[in-house]
PDB file of N, CA and C in Angstrom:
ATOM      1  N   MET A   1     109.645 287.187 136.993  1.00  0.00           N
ATOM      2  CA  MET A   1     110.081 287.035 138.381  1.00  0.00           C
ATOM      3  C   MET A   1     110.098 285.554 138.740  1.00  0.00           C
ATOM      4  N   SER A   2     110.955 285.204 139.620  1.00  0.00           N
ATOM      5  CA  SER A   2     111.112 283.820 140.058  1.00  0.00           C
ATOM      6  C   SER A   2     109.909 283.369 140.892  1.00  0.00           C
ATOM      7  N   ASP A   3     109.678 282.072 140.918  1.00  0.00           N
ATOM      8  CA  ASP A   3     108.634 281.507 141.770  1.00  0.00           C
ATOM      9  C   ASP A   3     109.123 281.294 143.193  1.00  0.00           C
ATOM     10  N   ASN A   4     110.347 281.679 143.481  1.00  0.00           N
ATOM     11  CA  ASN A   4     110.934 281.450 144.797  1.00  0.00           C
ATOM     12  C   ASN A   4     110.757 282.655 145.712  1.00  0.00           C
ATOM     13  N   TYR A   5     109.592 283.298 145.658  1.00  0.00           N
ATOM     14  CA  TYR A   5     109.361 284.438 146.533  1.00  0.00           C
ATOM     15  C   TYR A   5     108.126 284.181 147.401  1.00  0.00           C
ATOM     16  N   THR A   6     108.085 284.884 148.516  1.00  0.00           N
ATOM     17  CA  THR A   6     106.950 284.786 149.426  1.00  0.00           C
ATOM     18  C   THR A   6     106.580 286.182 149.889  1.00  0.00           C
ATOM     19  N   VAL A   7     105.300 286.506 149.829  1.00  0.00           N
ATOM     20  CA  VAL A   7     104.786 287.760 150.365  1.00  0.00           C
ATOM     21  C   VAL A   7     104.141 287.431 151.710  1.00  0.00           C
ATOM     22  N   LEU A   8     104.580 288.117 152.742  1.00  0.00           N
ATOM     23  CA  LEU A   8     104.076 287.895 154.093  1.00  0.00           C
ATOM     24  C   LEU A   8     102.816 288.728 154.344  1.00  0.00           C
ATOM     25  N   PRO A   9     102.022 288.353 155.352  1.00  0.00           N
ATOM     26  CA  PRO A   9     100.757 289.074 155.622  1.00  0.00           C
ATOM     27  C   PRO A   9     100.922 290.577 155.845  1.00  0.00           C
ATOM     28  N   ASP A  10     102.073 291.005 156.347  1.00  0.00           N
ATOM     29  CA  ASP A  10     102.266 292.444 156.590  1.00  0.00           C
ATOM     30  C   ASP A  10     102.699 293.196 155.338  1.00  0.00           C
ATOM     31  N   GLY A  11     102.790 292.490 154.205  1.00  0.00           N
ATOM     32  CA  GLY A  11     103.174 293.133 152.951  1.00  0.00           C
ATOM     33  C   GLY A  11     104.648 293.028 152.627  1.00  0.00           C
ATOM     34  N   SER A  12     105.459 292.670 153.608  1.00  0.00           N
ATOM     35  CA  SER A  12     106.876 292.467 153.323  1.00  0.00           C
ATOM     36  C   SER A  12     107.044 291.105 152.666  1.00  0.00           C
ATOM     37  N   GLY A  13     108.226 290.778 152.284  1.00  0.00           N
ATOM     38  CA  GLY A  13     108.440 289.489 151.646  1.00  0.00           C
ATOM     39  C   GLY A  13     109.912 289.133 151.583  1.00  0.00           C
ATOM     40  N   PHE A  14     110.163 287.994 150.973  1.00  0.00           N
ATOM     41  CA  PHE A  14     111.535 287.535 150.780  1.00  0.00           C
ATOM     42  C   PHE A  14     111.564 286.608 149.586  1.00  0.00           C
ATOM     43  N   PHE A  15     112.754 286.372 149.072  1.00  0.00           N
ATOM     44  CA  PHE A  15     112.922 285.404 147.997  1.00  0.00           C
ATOM     45  C   PHE A  15     114.264 284.716 148.151  1.00  0.00           C
ATOM     46  N   THR A  16     114.381 283.579 147.542  1.00  0.00           N
ATOM     47  CA  THR A  16     115.656 282.872 147.530  1.00  0.00           C
ATOM     48  C   THR A  16     116.201 282.923 146.118  1.00  0.00           C
ATOM     49  N   ALA A  17     117.505 283.004 146.046  1.00  0.00           N
ATOM     50  CA  ALA A  17     118.166 283.066 144.748  1.00  0.00           C
ATOM     51  C   ALA A  17     119.473 282.301 144.828  1.00  0.00           C
ATOM     52  N   SER A  18     119.934 281.865 143.695  1.00  0.00           N
ATOM     53  CA  SER A  18     121.197 281.147 143.619  1.00  0.00           C
ATOM     54  C   SER A  18     122.166 281.963 142.777  1.00  0.00           C
ATOM     55  N   PHE A  19     123.324 282.228 143.341  1.00  0.00           N
ATOM     56  CA  PHE A  19     124.339 282.984 142.643  1.00  0.00           C
ATOM     57  C   PHE A  19     125.599 282.145 142.523  1.00  0.00           C
ATOM     58  N   ALA A  20     126.291 282.282 141.420  1.00  0.00           N
ATOM     59  CA  ALA A  20     127.558 281.578 141.247  1.00  0.00           C
ATOM     60  C   ALA A  20     128.582 282.141 142.227  1.00  0.00           C
ATOM     61  N   LEU A  21     129.455 281.280 142.715  1.00  0.00           N
ATOM     62  CA  LEU A  21     130.534 281.732 143.591  1.00  0.00           C
ATOM     63  C   LEU A  21     131.567 282.492 142.775  1.00  0.00           C
ATOM     64  N   PRO A  22     132.248 283.466 143.392  1.00  0.00           N
ATOM     65  CA  PRO A  22     133.312 284.165 142.663  1.00  0.00           C
ATOM     66  C   PRO A  22     134.414 283.179 142.250  1.00  0.00           C
ATOM     67  N   LYS A  23     135.063 283.459 141.155  1.00  0.00           N
ATOM     68  CA  LYS A  23     136.121 282.562 140.636  1.00  0.00           C
ATOM     69  C   LYS A  23     137.255 282.377 141.649  1.00  0.00           C
ATOM     70  N   ASP A  24     137.469 283.372 142.525  1.00  0.00           N
ATOM     71  CA  ASP A  24     138.557 283.278 143.507  1.00  0.00           C
ATOM     72  C   ASP A  24     138.081 282.768 144.879  1.00  0.00           C
ATOM     73  N   HIS A  25     136.884 282.170 144.930  1.00  0.00           N
ATOM     74  CA  HIS A  25     136.354 281.653 146.192  1.00  0.00           C
ATOM     75  C   HIS A  25     137.277 280.557 146.732  1.00  0.00           C
ATOM     76  N   TRP A  26     137.373 280.444 148.046  1.00  0.00           N
ATOM     77  CA  TRP A  26     138.272 279.471 148.683  1.00  0.00           C
ATOM     78  C   TRP A  26     137.975 278.035 148.284  1.00  0.00           C
ATOM     79  N   ILE A  27     136.747 277.724 147.895  1.00  0.00           N
ATOM     80  CA  ILE A  27     136.401 276.342 147.563  1.00  0.00           C
ATOM     81  C   ILE A  27     137.166 275.848 146.333  1.00  0.00           C
ATOM     82  N   TYR A  28     137.587 276.769 145.473  1.00  0.00           N
ATOM     83  CA  TYR A  28     138.290 276.401 144.248  1.00  0.00           C
ATOM     84  C   TYR A  28     139.807 276.328 144.418  1.00  0.00           C
ATOM     85  N   LYS A  29     140.306 276.601 145.612  1.00  0.00           N
ATOM     86  CA  LYS A  29     141.753 276.665 145.841  1.00  0.00           C
ATOM     87  C   LYS A  29     142.413 275.311 145.592  1.00  0.00           C
ATOM     88  N   THR A  30     143.493 275.337 144.825  1.00  0.00           N
ATOM     89  CA  THR A  30     144.285 274.129 144.572  1.00  0.00           C
ATOM     90  C   THR A  30     145.752 274.449 144.812  1.00  0.00           C
ATOM     91  N   ASP A  31     146.568 273.386 144.885  1.00  0.00           N
ATOM     92  CA  ASP A  31     148.011 273.606 144.993  1.00  0.00           C
ATOM     93  C   ASP A  31     148.583 273.842 143.594  1.00  0.00           C
ATOM     94  N   ALA A  32     149.885 273.952 143.496  1.00  0.00           N
ATOM     95  CA  ALA A  32     150.538 274.249 142.221  1.00  0.00           C
ATOM     96  C   ALA A  32     150.256 273.181 141.162  1.00  0.00           C
ATOM     97  N   ASP A  33     149.963 271.959 141.584  1.00  0.00           N
ATOM     98  CA  ASP A  33     149.687 270.871 140.641  1.00  0.00           C
ATOM     99  C   ASP A  33     148.194 270.695 140.363  1.00  0.00           C
ATOM    100  N   GLY A  34     147.353 271.552 140.928  1.00  0.00           N
ATOM    101  CA  GLY A  34     145.922 271.476 140.691  1.00  0.00           C
ATOM    102  C   GLY A  34     145.177 270.549 141.636  1.00  0.00           C
ATOM    103  N   PHE A  35     145.835 270.101 142.680  1.00  0.00           N
ATOM    104  CA  PHE A  35     145.207 269.201 143.643  1.00  0.00           C
ATOM    105  C   PHE A  35     144.729 269.978 144.871  1.00  0.00           C
ATOM    106  N   THR A  36     143.891 269.338 145.686  1.00  0.00           N
ATOM    107  CA  THR A  36     143.458 269.918 146.948  1.00  0.00           C
ATOM    108  C   THR A  36     144.680 270.107 147.849  1.00  0.00           C
ATOM    109  N   PRO A  37     144.856 271.293 148.442  1.00  0.00           N
ATOM    110  CA  PRO A  37     145.985 271.502 149.351  1.00  0.00           C
ATOM    111  C   PRO A  37     145.883 270.577 150.566  1.00  0.00           C
ATOM    112  N   PRO A  38     146.987 270.334 151.254  1.00  0.00           N
ATOM    113  CA  PRO A  38     146.948 269.484 152.452  1.00  0.00           C
ATOM    114  C   PRO A  38     146.038 270.087 153.524  1.00  0.00           C
ATOM    115  N   PRO A  39     145.504 269.246 154.416  1.00  0.00           N
ATOM    116  CA  PRO A  39     144.623 269.757 155.476  1.00  0.00           C
ATOM    117  C   PRO A  39     145.410 270.597 156.487  1.00  0.00           C
ATOM    118  N   PRO A  40     144.738 271.560 157.136  1.00  0.00           N
ATOM    119  CA  PRO A  40     145.448 272.415 158.099  1.00  0.00           C
ATOM    120  C   PRO A  40     145.788 271.708 159.413  1.00  0.00           C
ATOM    121  N   MET A  41     145.017 270.742 159.838  1.00  0.00           N
ATOM    122  CA  MET A  41     145.226 269.968 161.069  1.00  0.00           C
ATOM    123  C   MET A  41     145.473 270.809 162.319  1.00  0.00           C
ATOM    124  N   PRO A  42     144.624 271.808 162.616  1.00  0.00           N
ATOM    125  CA  PRO A  42     144.872 272.632 163.797  1.00  0.00           C
ATOM    126  C   PRO A  42     144.723 271.873 165.121  1.00  0.00           C
ATOM    127  N   PHE A  43     144.033 270.743 165.115  1.00  0.00           N
ATOM    128  CA  PHE A  43     143.845 269.950 166.333  1.00  0.00           C
ATOM    129  C   PHE A  43     144.534 268.585 166.193  1.00  0.00           C
ATOM    130  N   ARG A  44     145.654 268.557 165.473  1.00  0.00           N
ATOM    131  CA  ARG A  44     146.343 267.308 165.165  1.00  0.00           C
ATOM    132  C   ARG A  44     146.620 266.490 166.418  1.00  0.00           C
ATOM    133  N   MET A  45     146.282 265.203 166.354  1.00  0.00           N
ATOM    134  CA  MET A  45     146.609 264.271 167.419  1.00  0.00           C
ATOM    135  C   MET A  45     146.783 262.893 166.790  1.00  0.00           C
ATOM    136  N   GLY A  46     147.777 262.183 167.247  1.00  0.00           N
ATOM    137  CA  GLY A  46     148.063 260.864 166.705  1.00  0.00           C
ATOM    138  C   GLY A  46     147.081 259.804 167.192  1.00  0.00           C
ATOM    139  N   MET A  47     147.188 258.632 166.602  1.00  0.00           N
ATOM    140  CA  MET A  47     146.285 257.522 166.930  1.00  0.00           C
ATOM    141  C   MET A  47     146.369 257.106 168.396  1.00  0.00           C
ATOM    142  N   ASP A  48     147.493 257.364 169.043  1.00  0.00           N
ATOM    143  CA  ASP A  48     147.665 256.964 170.438  1.00  0.00           C
ATOM    144  C   ASP A  48     147.163 257.998 171.432  1.00  0.00           C
ATOM    145  N   HIS A  49     146.702 259.153 170.936  1.00  0.00           N
ATOM    146  CA  HIS A  49     146.209 260.189 171.847  1.00  0.00           C
ATOM    147  C   HIS A  49     144.974 259.645 172.576  1.00  0.00           C
ATOM    148  N   PRO A  50     144.884 259.791 173.889  1.00  0.00           N
ATOM    149  CA  PRO A  50     143.776 259.191 174.638  1.00  0.00           C
ATOM    150  C   PRO A  50     142.394 259.761 174.302  1.00  0.00           C
ATOM    151  N   MET A  51     142.328 260.968 173.733  1.00  0.00           N
ATOM    152  CA  MET A  51     141.014 261.553 173.416  1.00  0.00           C
ATOM    153  C   MET A  51     140.689 261.511 171.928  1.00  0.00           C
ATOM    154  N   ARG A  52     141.552 260.889 171.114  1.00  0.00           N
ATOM    155  CA  ARG A  52     141.347 260.934 169.668  1.00  0.00           C
ATOM    156  C   ARG A  52     139.967 260.404 169.259  1.00  0.00           C
ATOM    157  N   GLU A  53     139.554 259.260 169.740  1.00  0.00           N
ATOM    158  CA  GLU A  53     138.280 258.673 169.314  1.00  0.00           C
ATOM    159  C   GLU A  53     137.100 259.539 169.746  1.00  0.00           C
ATOM    160  N   GLU A  54     137.141 260.062 170.962  1.00  0.00           N
ATOM    161  CA  GLU A  54     136.056 260.922 171.441  1.00  0.00           C
ATOM    162  C   GLU A  54     135.981 262.205 170.610  1.00  0.00           C
ATOM    163  N   ILE A  55     137.116 262.827 170.349  1.00  0.00           N
ATOM    164  CA  ILE A  55     137.159 264.052 169.552  1.00  0.00           C
ATOM    165  C   ILE A  55     136.681 263.759 168.127  1.00  0.00           C
ATOM    166  N   ARG A  56     137.103 262.637 167.558  1.00  0.00           N
ATOM    167  CA  ARG A  56     136.687 262.244 166.208  1.00  0.00           C
ATOM    168  C   ARG A  56     135.164 262.130 166.125  1.00  0.00           C
ATOM    169  N   GLU A  57     134.559 261.483 167.116  1.00  0.00           N
ATOM    170  CA  GLU A  57     133.102 261.322 167.129  1.00  0.00           C
ATOM    171  C   GLU A  57     132.394 262.666 167.236  1.00  0.00           C
ATOM    172  N   ARG A  58     132.950 263.571 168.026  1.00  0.00           N
ATOM    173  CA  ARG A  58     132.348 264.899 168.168  1.00  0.00           C
ATOM    174  C   ARG A  58     132.454 265.694 166.866  1.00  0.00           C
ATOM    175  N   ILE A  59     133.593 265.576 166.188  1.00  0.00           N
ATOM    176  CA  ILE A  59     133.772 266.279 164.918  1.00  0.00           C
ATOM    177  C   ILE A  59     132.815 265.717 163.873  1.00  0.00           C
ATOM    178  N   ILE A  60     132.645 264.407 163.837  1.00  0.00           N
ATOM    179  CA  ILE A  60     131.691 263.799 162.901  1.00  0.00           C
ATOM    180  C   ILE A  60     130.292 264.345 163.151  1.00  0.00           C
ATOM    181  N   ALA A  61     129.878 264.399 164.411  1.00  0.00           N
ATOM    182  CA  ALA A  61     128.548 264.918 164.737  1.00  0.00           C
ATOM    183  C   ALA A  61     128.413 266.377 164.296  1.00  0.00           C
ATOM    184  N   ALA A  62     129.440 267.194 164.508  1.00  0.00           N
ATOM    185  CA  ALA A  62     129.394 268.599 164.107  1.00  0.00           C
ATOM    186  C   ALA A  62     129.362 268.730 162.584  1.00  0.00           C
ATOM    187  N   ALA A  63     130.131 267.918 161.882  1.00  0.00           N
ATOM    188  CA  ALA A  63     130.142 267.959 160.416  1.00  0.00           C
ATOM    189  C   ALA A  63     128.791 267.520 159.859  1.00  0.00           C
ATOM    190  N   GLN A  64     128.201 266.495 160.438  1.00  0.00           N
ATOM    191  CA  GLN A  64     126.880 266.051 159.989  1.00  0.00           C
ATOM    192  C   GLN A  64     125.844 267.144 160.218  1.00  0.00           C
ATOM    193  N   TYR A  65     125.910 267.829 161.362  1.00  0.00           N
ATOM    194  CA  TYR A  65     125.014 268.954 161.624  1.00  0.00           C
ATOM    195  C   TYR A  65     125.204 270.029 160.551  1.00  0.00           C
ATOM    196  N   ALA A  66     126.454 270.362 160.230  1.00  0.00           N
ATOM    197  CA  ALA A  66     126.736 271.408 159.244  1.00  0.00           C
ATOM    198  C   ALA A  66     126.133 271.067 157.887  1.00  0.00           C
ATOM    199  N   VAL A  67     126.274 269.820 157.470  1.00  0.00           N
ATOM    200  CA  VAL A  67     125.717 269.409 156.181  1.00  0.00           C
ATOM    201  C   VAL A  67     124.191 269.462 156.224  1.00  0.00           C
ATOM    202  N   ARG A  68     123.592 268.927 157.301  1.00  0.00           N
ATOM    203  CA  ARG A  68     122.128 268.965 157.423  1.00  0.00           C
ATOM    204  C   ARG A  68     121.603 270.399 157.423  1.00  0.00           C
ATOM    205  N   ALA A  69     122.220 271.262 158.230  1.00  0.00           N
ATOM    206  CA  ALA A  69     121.753 272.647 158.351  1.00  0.00           C
ATOM    207  C   ALA A  69     121.939 273.416 157.048  1.00  0.00           C
ATOM    208  N   SER A  70     122.995 273.121 156.315  1.00  0.00           N
ATOM    209  CA  SER A  70     123.289 273.851 155.078  1.00  0.00           C
ATOM    210  C   SER A  70     122.494 273.356 153.885  1.00  0.00           C
ATOM    211  N   THR A  71     121.962 272.154 153.971  1.00  0.00           N
ATOM    212  CA  THR A  71     121.222 271.585 152.837  1.00  0.00           C
ATOM    213  C   THR A  71     119.749 271.359 153.155  1.00  0.00           C
ATOM    214  N   ARG A  72     119.279 271.911 154.261  1.00  0.00           N
ATOM    215  CA  ARG A  72     117.897 271.696 154.712  1.00  0.00           C
ATOM    216  C   ARG A  72     117.607 270.195 154.769  1.00  0.00           C
ATOM    217  N   CYS A  73     118.455 269.495 155.486  1.00  0.00           N
ATOM    218  CA  CYS A  73     118.320 268.041 155.678  1.00  0.00           C
ATOM    219  C   CYS A  73     118.328 267.288 154.350  1.00  0.00           C
ATOM    220  N   GLY A  74     119.212 267.707 153.447  1.00  0.00           N
ATOM    221  CA  GLY A  74     119.382 267.017 152.176  1.00  0.00           C
ATOM    222  C   GLY A  74     118.420 267.433 151.089  1.00  0.00           C
ATOM    223  N   LYS A  75     117.556 268.399 151.364  1.00  0.00           N
ATOM    224  CA  LYS A  75     116.575 268.836 150.366  1.00  0.00           C
ATOM    225  C   LYS A  75     117.173 269.800 149.344  1.00  0.00           C
ATOM    226  N   GLU A  76     118.258 270.477 149.693  1.00  0.00           N
ATOM    227  CA  GLU A  76     118.895 271.452 148.806  1.00  0.00           C
ATOM    228  C   GLU A  76     120.259 270.928 148.366  1.00  0.00           C
ATOM    229  N   THR A  77     120.477 270.873 147.062  1.00  0.00           N
ATOM    230  CA  THR A  77     121.801 270.498 146.569  1.00  0.00           C
ATOM    231  C   THR A  77     122.626 271.736 146.233  1.00  0.00           C
ATOM    232  N   ASP A  78     121.971 272.877 146.098  1.00  0.00           N
ATOM    233  CA  ASP A  78     122.635 274.141 145.794  1.00  0.00           C
ATOM    234  C   ASP A  78     122.797 274.900 147.105  1.00  0.00           C
ATOM    235  N   PHE A  79     123.880 274.623 147.831  1.00  0.00           N
ATOM    236  CA  PHE A  79     124.064 275.227 149.138  1.00  0.00           C
ATOM    237  C   PHE A  79     125.270 276.157 149.134  1.00  0.00           C
ATOM    238  N   ASP A  80     125.336 276.995 150.136  1.00  0.00           N
ATOM    239  CA  ASP A  80     126.411 277.973 150.288  1.00  0.00           C
ATOM    240  C   ASP A  80     127.536 277.359 151.115  1.00  0.00           C
ATOM    241  N   PRO A  81     128.721 277.187 150.538  1.00  0.00           N
ATOM    242  CA  PRO A  81     129.821 276.585 151.310  1.00  0.00           C
ATOM    243  C   PRO A  81     130.232 277.436 152.512  1.00  0.00           C
ATOM    244  N   ASP A  82     130.078 278.745 152.411  1.00  0.00           N
ATOM    245  CA  ASP A  82     130.416 279.597 153.559  1.00  0.00           C
ATOM    246  C   ASP A  82     129.420 279.385 154.692  1.00  0.00           C
ATOM    247  N   ALA A  83     128.150 279.163 154.354  1.00  0.00           N
ATOM    248  CA  ALA A  83     127.154 278.849 155.381  1.00  0.00           C
ATOM    249  C   ALA A  83     127.475 277.504 156.023  1.00  0.00           C
ATOM    250  N   MET A  84     127.974 276.563 155.231  1.00  0.00           N
ATOM    251  CA  MET A  84     128.335 275.266 155.796  1.00  0.00           C
ATOM    252  C   MET A  84     129.477 275.424 156.806  1.00  0.00           C
ATOM    253  N   VAL A  85     130.427 276.277 156.495  1.00  0.00           N
ATOM    254  CA  VAL A  85     131.529 276.527 157.435  1.00  0.00           C
ATOM    255  C   VAL A  85     130.986 277.147 158.717  1.00  0.00           C
ATOM    256  N   GLN A  86     130.086 278.134 158.597  1.00  0.00           N
ATOM    257  CA  GLN A  86     129.487 278.748 159.786  1.00  0.00           C
ATOM    258  C   GLN A  86     128.720 277.709 160.607  1.00  0.00           C
ATOM    259  N   ASN A  87     128.004 276.824 159.920  1.00  0.00           N
ATOM    260  CA  ASN A  87     127.275 275.771 160.627  1.00  0.00           C
ATOM    261  C   ASN A  87     128.230 274.777 161.282  1.00  0.00           C
ATOM    262  N   MET A  88     129.390 274.549 160.685  1.00  0.00           N
ATOM    263  CA  MET A  88     130.385 273.668 161.299  1.00  0.00           C
ATOM    264  C   MET A  88     130.916 274.303 162.589  1.00  0.00           C
ATOM    265  N   ILE A  89     131.139 275.607 162.559  1.00  0.00           N
ATOM    266  CA  ILE A  89     131.589 276.314 163.766  1.00  0.00           C
ATOM    267  C   ILE A  89     130.537 276.175 164.870  1.00  0.00           C
ATOM    268  N   ILE A  90     129.276 276.406 164.529  1.00  0.00           N
ATOM    269  CA  ILE A  90     128.203 276.269 165.519  1.00  0.00           C
ATOM    270  C   ILE A  90     128.145 274.833 166.025  1.00  0.00           C
ATOM    271  N   GLY A  91     128.266 273.867 165.120  1.00  0.00           N
ATOM    272  CA  GLY A  91     128.238 272.463 165.515  1.00  0.00           C
ATOM    273  C   GLY A  91     129.394 272.076 166.421  1.00  0.00           C
ATOM    274  N   MET A  92     130.531 272.733 166.252  1.00  0.00           N
ATOM    275  CA  MET A  92     131.719 272.415 167.063  1.00  0.00           C
ATOM    276  C   MET A  92     131.731 273.143 168.403  1.00  0.00           C
ATOM    277  N   ILE A  93     131.472 274.457 168.380  1.00  0.00           N
ATOM    278  CA  ILE A  93     131.678 275.235 169.606  1.00  0.00           C
ATOM    279  C   ILE A  93     130.446 275.992 170.084  1.00  0.00           C
ATOM    280  N   GLY A  94     129.337 275.902 169.359  1.00  0.00           N
ATOM    281  CA  GLY A  94     128.109 276.534 169.804  1.00  0.00           C
ATOM    282  C   GLY A  94     127.779 277.800 169.041  1.00  0.00           C
ATOM    283  N   TYR A  95     126.645 278.386 169.422  1.00  0.00           N
ATOM    284  CA  TYR A  95     126.159 279.606 168.783  1.00  0.00           C
ATOM    285  C   TYR A  95     127.048 280.790 169.136  1.00  0.00           C
ATOM    286  N   PHE A  96     126.883 281.869 168.403  1.00  0.00           N
ATOM    287  CA  PHE A  96     127.651 283.089 168.630  1.00  0.00           C
ATOM    288  C   PHE A  96     126.993 283.899 169.747  1.00  0.00           C
ATOM    289  N   THR A  97     126.991 283.315 170.959  1.00  0.00           N
ATOM    290  CA  THR A  97     126.429 283.948 172.156  1.00  0.00           C
ATOM    291  C   THR A  97     127.459 283.855 173.275  1.00  0.00           C
ATOM    292  N   SER A  98     127.210 284.524 174.375  1.00  0.00           N
ATOM    293  CA  SER A  98     128.190 284.552 175.470  1.00  0.00           C
ATOM    294  C   SER A  98     128.465 283.167 176.042  1.00  0.00           C
ATOM    295  N   ASP A  99     127.461 282.272 176.031  1.00  0.00           N
ATOM    296  CA  ASP A  99     127.676 280.926 176.569  1.00  0.00           C
ATOM    297  C   ASP A  99     127.614 279.835 175.494  1.00  0.00           C
ATOM    298  N   GLY A 100     127.462 280.241 174.225  1.00  0.00           N
ATOM    299  CA  GLY A 100     127.406 279.272 173.137  1.00  0.00           C
ATOM    300  C   GLY A 100     126.052 278.610 172.949  1.00  0.00           C
ATOM    301  N   LEU A 101     125.080 278.963 173.776  1.00  0.00           N
ATOM    302  CA  LEU A 101     123.754 278.346 173.693  1.00  0.00           C
ATOM    303  C   LEU A 101     122.769 279.270 172.989  1.00  0.00           C
ATOM    304  N   SER A 102     121.738 278.676 172.426  1.00  0.00           N
ATOM    305  CA  SER A 102     120.652 279.443 171.818  1.00  0.00           C
ATOM    306  C   SER A 102     119.705 279.924 172.912  1.00  0.00           C
ATOM    307  N   GLY A 103     119.057 281.050 172.697  1.00  0.00           N
ATOM    308  CA  GLY A 103     118.031 281.519 173.617  1.00  0.00           C
ATOM    309  C   GLY A 103     116.762 280.672 173.535  1.00  0.00           C
ATOM    310  N   ASP A 104     116.642 279.895 172.467  1.00  0.00           N
ATOM    311  CA  ASP A 104     115.508 278.986 172.288  1.00  0.00           C
ATOM    312  C   ASP A 104     115.933 277.594 172.727  1.00  0.00           C
ATOM    313  N   THR A 105     115.226 277.017 173.671  1.00  0.00           N
ATOM    314  CA  THR A 105     115.623 275.699 174.184  1.00  0.00           C
ATOM    315  C   THR A 105     115.646 274.635 173.101  1.00  0.00           C
ATOM    316  N   TRP A 106     114.747 274.732 172.090  1.00  0.00           N
ATOM    317  CA  TRP A 106     114.729 273.733 171.017  1.00  0.00           C
ATOM    318  C   TRP A 106     116.014 273.777 170.190  1.00  0.00           C
ATOM    319  N   GLY A 107     116.750 274.889 170.250  1.00  0.00           N
ATOM    320  CA  GLY A 107     117.978 275.035 169.469  1.00  0.00           C
ATOM    321  C   GLY A 107     119.221 274.535 170.165  1.00  0.00           C
ATOM    322  N   ASN A 108     119.070 273.967 171.352  1.00  0.00           N
ATOM    323  CA  ASN A 108     120.210 273.468 172.124  1.00  0.00           C
ATOM    324  C   ASN A 108     120.176 271.948 172.211  1.00  0.00           C
ATOM    325  N   PRO A 109     121.349 271.323 172.319  1.00  0.00           N
ATOM    326  CA  PRO A 109     121.366 269.869 172.468  1.00  0.00           C
ATOM    327  C   PRO A 109     120.814 269.448 173.822  1.00  0.00           C
ATOM    328  N   ASP A 110     120.352 268.219 173.875  1.00  0.00           N
ATOM    329  CA  ASP A 110     119.840 267.667 175.135  1.00  0.00           C
ATOM    330  C   ASP A 110     120.498 266.313 175.352  1.00  0.00           C
ATOM    331  N   PRO A 111     121.328 266.182 176.339  1.00  0.00           N
ATOM    332  CA  PRO A 111     121.666 267.166 177.372  1.00  0.00           C
ATOM    333  C   PRO A 111     122.646 268.224 176.849  1.00  0.00           C
ATOM    334  N   ILE A 112     122.671 269.355 177.511  1.00  0.00           N
ATOM    335  CA  ILE A 112     123.603 270.415 177.155  1.00  0.00           C
ATOM    336  C   ILE A 112     124.990 270.007 177.634  1.00  0.00           C
ATOM    337  N   PRO A 113     125.970 269.994 176.714  1.00  0.00           N
ATOM    338  CA  PRO A 113     127.321 269.622 177.135  1.00  0.00           C
ATOM    339  C   PRO A 113     127.945 270.700 178.000  1.00  0.00           C
ATOM    340  N   PRO A 114     128.893 270.318 178.852  1.00  0.00           N
ATOM    341  CA  PRO A 114     129.553 271.325 179.685  1.00  0.00           C
ATOM    342  C   PRO A 114     130.347 272.305 178.812  1.00  0.00           C
ATOM    343  N   GLU A 115     130.409 273.542 179.267  1.00  0.00           N
ATOM    344  CA  GLU A 115     131.175 274.559 178.540  1.00  0.00           C
ATOM    345  C   GLU A 115     132.663 274.315 178.786  1.00  0.00           C
ATOM    346  N   VAL A 116     133.463 274.425 177.728  1.00  0.00           N
ATOM    347  CA  VAL A 116     134.913 274.281 177.851  1.00  0.00           C
ATOM    348  C   VAL A 116     135.458 275.511 178.551  1.00  0.00           C
ATOM    349  N   LYS A 117     136.234 275.269 179.574  1.00  0.00           N
ATOM    350  CA  LYS A 117     136.832 276.384 180.343  1.00  0.00           C
ATOM    351  C   LYS A 117     138.319 276.421 180.120  1.00  0.00           C
TER     352      LYS A 117
END
């Protein structure tokens, strides 16, 4: 048995394991020439857009959060790319709750940004 298990006081437990990604996982997707496909650019804005720099800074902060959350602040090199995507969503638009906030105050940014309407 692996050393990556924990038995809790109530007798239950958990373990961590690393599994290879399926061969058809999205992370391996390439174009016909074997290169990374072009970016989707769903929020495309040119250099002259008045909010480009602000949006760029917010995306950087969300991406950094996703990497930190998915790698336990850089302690794990074997991370789940799908978890990183989920963490990027949380970093960009908030938790999967009615208002995007966590029920735990420590899990919310300070100050709390206004909700997009």
